[in-house]
Amino acid sequence: MSVLLKIKENLKIIILTILFVYILINLFGGQRGLFAYFEKKEVLENLKIQEKETLEKIKNIELKNTLLSERLDYDYIDMLIRDKLMLGKKGETTYIVIGNEN
């Protein structure tokens, strides 16, 4: 009987302790916890960076697509031929700069 009396006397403390532990566990763990928040924040930042890179690639591809559409931009084609194939026009002197990063 004395054990039951001690439990009844300390029932508020026991319930508050269990409630406090439950709140701490859910605060730090779980899908909506503190650790999950930081993980999701990091994932969000990575997705934002990936989105910017993808948008840049899309803009670049759209630009190339417009330059190589039905109305050809001969200056752009000439630039591609010179860069990729290292070709020049007849009688033209071509210079290749080695070691220039810019």
N, C-alpha and C. Protein backbone atom coordinates (compact mmCIF):
# COMPACT_ATOMS: atom_id res chain seq x y z
N MET A 1 0.80 -1.19 0.00
CA MET A 1 0.00 0.00 0.00
C MET A 1 0.85 1.26 0.00
N SER A 2 1.98 1.19 0.62
CA SER A 2 2.81 2.39 0.72
C SER A 2 3.36 2.80 -0.64
N VAL A 3 3.58 1.84 -1.52
CA VAL A 3 4.08 2.16 -2.85
C VAL A 3 3.00 2.91 -3.64
N LEU A 4 1.76 2.46 -3.52
CA LEU A 4 0.68 3.15 -4.20
C LEU A 4 0.47 4.56 -3.67
N LEU A 5 0.64 4.73 -2.38
CA LEU A 5 0.51 6.07 -1.80
C LEU A 5 1.61 6.99 -2.29
N LYS A 6 2.84 6.46 -2.40
CA LYS A 6 3.94 7.28 -2.91
C LYS A 6 3.71 7.66 -4.36
N ILE A 7 3.16 6.73 -5.14
CA ILE A 7 2.87 7.02 -6.54
C ILE A 7 1.79 8.09 -6.65
N LYS A 8 0.76 7.95 -5.83
CA LYS A 8 -0.32 8.94 -5.85
C LYS A 8 0.17 10.32 -5.42
N GLU A 9 1.06 10.35 -4.46
CA GLU A 9 1.60 11.63 -3.99
C GLU A 9 2.47 12.29 -5.07
N ASN A 10 3.19 11.48 -5.78
CA ASN A 10 4.11 12.01 -6.79
C ASN A 10 3.56 11.88 -8.22
N LEU A 11 2.28 11.70 -8.35
CA LEU A 11 1.67 11.51 -9.66
C LEU A 11 1.88 12.72 -10.58
N LYS A 12 1.76 13.91 -10.04
CA LYS A 12 1.98 15.12 -10.85
C LYS A 12 3.42 15.18 -11.36
N ILE A 13 4.35 14.86 -10.49
CA ILE A 13 5.76 14.89 -10.88
C ILE A 13 6.05 13.83 -11.93
N ILE A 14 5.48 12.65 -11.77
CA ILE A 14 5.69 11.57 -12.74
C ILE A 14 5.10 11.95 -14.09
N ILE A 15 3.89 12.48 -14.10
CA ILE A 15 3.25 12.88 -15.36
C ILE A 15 4.02 14.02 -16.02
N LEU A 16 4.45 14.99 -15.26
CA LEU A 16 5.22 16.10 -15.82
C LEU A 16 6.57 15.62 -16.37
N THR A 17 7.18 14.68 -15.66
CA THR A 17 8.46 14.14 -16.13
C THR A 17 8.28 13.39 -17.44
N ILE A 18 7.26 12.55 -17.52
CA ILE A 18 6.98 11.81 -18.76
C ILE A 18 6.65 12.78 -19.89
N LEU A 19 5.86 13.77 -19.61
CA LEU A 19 5.51 14.77 -20.62
C LEU A 19 6.74 15.56 -21.09
N PHE A 20 7.60 15.91 -20.16
CA PHE A 20 8.82 16.64 -20.48
C PHE A 20 9.74 15.79 -21.37
N VAL A 21 9.90 14.53 -21.04
CA VAL A 21 10.74 13.63 -21.83
C VAL A 21 10.14 13.45 -23.23
N TYR A 22 8.82 13.31 -23.30
CA TYR A 22 8.14 13.17 -24.59
C TYR A 22 8.38 14.40 -25.46
N ILE A 23 8.26 15.58 -24.88
CA ILE A 23 8.47 16.82 -25.63
C ILE A 23 9.92 16.92 -26.09
N LEU A 24 10.87 16.58 -25.25
CA LEU A 24 12.28 16.63 -25.64
C LEU A 24 12.59 15.67 -26.79
N ILE A 25 12.04 14.47 -26.70
CA ILE A 25 12.28 13.49 -27.76
C ILE A 25 11.72 14.00 -29.09
N ASN A 26 10.51 14.55 -29.06
CA ASN A 26 9.92 15.05 -30.30
C ASN A 26 10.55 16.35 -30.77
N LEU A 27 11.11 17.12 -29.87
CA LEU A 27 11.77 18.36 -30.25
C LEU A 27 13.04 18.08 -31.05
N PHE A 28 13.82 17.11 -30.61
CA PHE A 28 15.09 16.85 -31.27
C PHE A 28 15.02 15.75 -32.32
N GLY A 29 14.14 14.79 -32.16
CA GLY A 29 14.06 13.68 -33.09
C GLY A 29 12.84 13.78 -33.97
N GLY A 30 12.64 12.77 -34.80
CA GLY A 30 11.46 12.73 -35.65
C GLY A 30 11.62 13.53 -36.92
N GLN A 31 10.59 13.52 -37.73
CA GLN A 31 10.64 14.22 -39.01
C GLN A 31 10.50 15.73 -38.86
N ARG A 32 9.91 16.18 -37.78
CA ARG A 32 9.73 17.61 -37.59
C ARG A 32 10.61 18.14 -36.47
N GLY A 33 11.61 17.38 -36.10
CA GLY A 33 12.48 17.78 -35.01
C GLY A 33 13.55 18.76 -35.44
N LEU A 34 14.37 19.13 -34.48
CA LEU A 34 15.42 20.12 -34.71
C LEU A 34 16.46 19.61 -35.70
N PHE A 35 16.89 18.36 -35.54
CA PHE A 35 17.90 17.80 -36.45
C PHE A 35 17.36 17.67 -37.86
N ALA A 36 16.11 17.25 -37.98
CA ALA A 36 15.49 17.15 -39.30
C ALA A 36 15.35 18.52 -39.94
N TYR A 37 15.10 19.54 -39.14
CA TYR A 37 15.00 20.91 -39.67
C TYR A 37 16.31 21.33 -40.33
N PHE A 38 17.42 21.08 -39.65
CA PHE A 38 18.71 21.48 -40.22
C PHE A 38 19.05 20.66 -41.46
N GLU A 39 18.69 19.38 -41.46
CA GLU A 39 18.92 18.56 -42.65
C GLU A 39 18.10 19.07 -43.82
N LYS A 40 16.84 19.39 -43.56
CA LYS A 40 15.97 19.88 -44.62
C LYS A 40 16.40 21.26 -45.10
N LYS A 41 16.94 22.06 -44.21
CA LYS A 41 17.45 23.38 -44.60
C LYS A 41 18.64 23.22 -45.54
N GLU A 42 19.52 22.27 -45.24
CA GLU A 42 20.67 22.01 -46.10
C GLU A 42 20.23 21.48 -47.46
N VAL A 43 19.24 20.60 -47.47
CA VAL A 43 18.71 20.07 -48.73
C VAL A 43 18.10 21.20 -49.55
N LEU A 44 17.41 22.11 -48.90
CA LEU A 44 16.80 23.25 -49.59
C LEU A 44 17.86 24.12 -50.24
N GLU A 45 18.94 24.39 -49.52
CA GLU A 45 20.02 25.21 -50.08
C GLU A 45 20.64 24.51 -51.30
N ASN A 46 20.85 23.19 -51.20
CA ASN A 46 21.41 22.44 -52.33
C ASN A 46 20.46 22.47 -53.52
N LEU A 47 19.17 22.38 -53.27
CA LEU A 47 18.20 22.43 -54.36
C LEU A 47 18.15 23.81 -55.00
N LYS A 48 18.31 24.86 -54.20
CA LYS A 48 18.35 26.21 -54.77
C LYS A 48 19.56 26.39 -55.68
N ILE A 49 20.71 25.88 -55.24
CA ILE A 49 21.92 25.97 -56.07
C ILE A 49 21.74 25.17 -57.35
N GLN A 50 21.17 23.98 -57.22
CA GLN A 50 20.93 23.13 -58.39
C GLN A 50 19.95 23.80 -59.35
N GLU A 51 18.95 24.49 -58.80
CA GLU A 51 17.98 25.19 -59.64
C GLU A 51 18.65 26.31 -60.43
N LYS A 52 19.54 27.07 -59.76
CA LYS A 52 20.25 28.15 -60.46
C LYS A 52 21.10 27.60 -61.59
N GLU A 53 21.82 26.49 -61.32
CA GLU A 53 22.67 25.89 -62.35
C GLU A 53 21.83 25.39 -63.51
N THR A 54 20.70 24.77 -63.20
CA THR A 54 19.83 24.26 -64.26
C THR A 54 19.24 25.38 -65.09
N LEU A 55 18.85 26.49 -64.45
CA LEU A 55 18.32 27.62 -65.19
C LEU A 55 19.39 28.24 -66.10
N GLU A 56 20.63 28.29 -65.62
CA GLU A 56 21.72 28.79 -66.46
C GLU A 56 21.92 27.89 -67.67
N LYS A 57 21.87 26.57 -67.47
CA LYS A 57 22.02 25.64 -68.59
C LYS A 57 20.88 25.81 -69.58
N ILE A 58 19.67 25.99 -69.06
CA ILE A 58 18.51 26.17 -69.94
C ILE A 58 18.65 27.44 -70.76
N LYS A 59 19.07 28.53 -70.12
CA LYS A 59 19.26 29.79 -70.85
C LYS A 59 20.32 29.63 -71.94
N ASN A 60 21.41 28.94 -71.60
CA ASN A 60 22.48 28.72 -72.56
C ASN A 60 21.99 27.89 -73.74
N ILE A 61 21.24 26.84 -73.46
CA ILE A 61 20.73 25.98 -74.54
C ILE A 61 19.71 26.74 -75.38
N GLU A 62 18.86 27.54 -74.74
CA GLU A 62 17.89 28.33 -75.49
C GLU A 62 18.59 29.34 -76.40
N LEU A 63 19.66 29.95 -75.90
CA LEU A 63 20.42 30.89 -76.72
C LEU A 63 21.01 30.19 -77.93
N LYS A 64 21.63 29.03 -77.70
CA LYS A 64 22.20 28.27 -78.82
C LYS A 64 21.11 27.84 -79.79
N ASN A 65 19.96 27.48 -79.26
CA ASN A 65 18.86 27.04 -80.11
C ASN A 65 18.37 28.19 -80.98
N THR A 66 18.26 29.38 -80.41
CA THR A 66 17.81 30.51 -81.22
C THR A 66 18.85 30.90 -82.26
N LEU A 67 20.12 30.73 -81.94
CA LEU A 67 21.17 31.08 -82.89
C LEU A 67 21.28 30.06 -84.02
N LEU A 68 20.84 28.84 -83.78
CA LEU A 68 20.92 27.80 -84.80
C LEU A 68 19.53 27.41 -85.32
N SER A 69 18.59 28.31 -85.28
CA SER A 69 17.24 28.02 -85.76
C SER A 69 17.16 28.23 -87.26
N GLU A 70 15.97 28.46 -87.77
CA GLU A 70 15.78 28.61 -89.22
C GLU A 70 16.54 29.81 -89.77
N ARG A 71 16.55 30.91 -89.03
CA ARG A 71 17.30 32.08 -89.47
C ARG A 71 18.70 31.96 -88.86
N LEU A 72 19.65 31.51 -89.62
CA LEU A 72 20.99 31.24 -89.11
C LEU A 72 21.74 32.53 -88.82
N ASP A 73 22.43 32.53 -87.72
CA ASP A 73 23.31 33.63 -87.37
C ASP A 73 24.72 33.23 -87.80
N TYR A 74 25.15 33.77 -88.91
CA TYR A 74 26.41 33.35 -89.51
C TYR A 74 27.62 33.74 -88.65
N ASP A 75 27.50 34.81 -87.90
CA ASP A 75 28.60 35.19 -87.01
C ASP A 75 28.80 34.14 -85.92
N TYR A 76 27.70 33.64 -85.37
CA TYR A 76 27.80 32.61 -84.33
C TYR A 76 28.35 31.31 -84.91
N ILE A 77 27.90 30.94 -86.10
CA ILE A 77 28.42 29.73 -86.74
C ILE A 77 29.91 29.88 -87.03
N ASP A 78 30.31 31.05 -87.48
CA ASP A 78 31.73 31.32 -87.74
C ASP A 78 32.54 31.18 -86.44
N MET A 79 31.99 31.71 -85.35
CA MET A 79 32.68 31.61 -84.06
C MET A 79 32.80 30.14 -83.64
N LEU A 80 31.75 29.35 -83.82
CA LEU A 80 31.81 27.93 -83.48
C LEU A 80 32.85 27.19 -84.31
N ILE A 81 32.88 27.49 -85.60
CA ILE A 81 33.85 26.83 -86.48
C ILE A 81 35.27 27.17 -86.07
N ARG A 82 35.51 28.42 -85.74
CA ARG A 82 36.85 28.84 -85.35
C ARG A 82 37.26 28.21 -84.01
N ASP A 83 36.33 28.15 -83.05
CA ASP A 83 36.67 27.61 -81.73
C ASP A 83 36.82 26.09 -81.75
N LYS A 84 35.87 25.41 -82.34
CA LYS A 84 35.84 23.95 -82.27
C LYS A 84 36.76 23.29 -83.28
N LEU A 85 36.77 23.78 -84.52
CA LEU A 85 37.53 23.13 -85.58
C LEU A 85 38.87 23.79 -85.85
N MET A 86 39.11 24.92 -85.22
CA MET A 86 40.38 25.65 -85.41
C MET A 86 40.62 25.96 -86.88
N LEU A 87 39.58 26.41 -87.57
CA LEU A 87 39.69 26.75 -88.98
C LEU A 87 39.61 28.26 -89.14
N GLY A 88 40.20 28.75 -90.20
CA GLY A 88 40.13 30.17 -90.51
C GLY A 88 39.81 30.36 -91.99
N LYS A 89 39.72 31.60 -92.41
CA LYS A 89 39.40 31.90 -93.80
C LYS A 89 40.68 31.90 -94.62
N LYS A 90 40.53 31.83 -95.93
CA LYS A 90 41.67 31.79 -96.84
C LYS A 90 42.43 33.11 -96.77
N GLY A 91 43.74 33.03 -96.61
CA GLY A 91 44.57 34.21 -96.54
C GLY A 91 44.58 34.86 -95.16
N GLU A 92 43.98 34.24 -94.21
CA GLU A 92 43.89 34.81 -92.86
C GLU A 92 44.99 34.20 -91.99
N THR A 93 45.59 35.00 -91.15
CA THR A 93 46.61 34.51 -90.23
C THR A 93 45.95 34.24 -88.89
N THR A 94 46.13 33.02 -88.38
CA THR A 94 45.51 32.62 -87.13
C THR A 94 46.57 32.55 -86.05
N TYR A 95 46.30 33.15 -84.93
CA TYR A 95 47.19 33.13 -83.79
C TYR A 95 46.53 32.36 -82.65
N ILE A 96 47.30 31.48 -82.01
CA ILE A 96 46.81 30.73 -80.85
C ILE A 96 47.59 31.20 -79.63
N VAL A 97 46.90 31.72 -78.66
CA VAL A 97 47.54 32.20 -77.43
C VAL A 97 47.51 31.06 -76.42
N ILE A 98 48.70 30.67 -75.97
CA ILE A 98 48.81 29.58 -75.01
C ILE A 98 49.08 30.17 -73.63
N GLY A 99 48.37 29.68 -72.63
CA GLY A 99 48.60 30.10 -71.25
C GLY A 99 47.77 31.30 -70.82
N ASN A 100 46.89 31.75 -71.65
CA ASN A 100 46.02 32.87 -71.28
C ASN A 100 44.72 32.30 -70.76
N GLU A 101 44.45 32.47 -69.45
CA GLU A 101 43.25 31.92 -68.82
C GLU A 101 42.01 32.74 -69.16
N ASN A 102 42.17 34.00 -69.48
CA ASN A 102 41.02 34.89 -69.74
C ASN A 102 40.65 34.75 -71.15
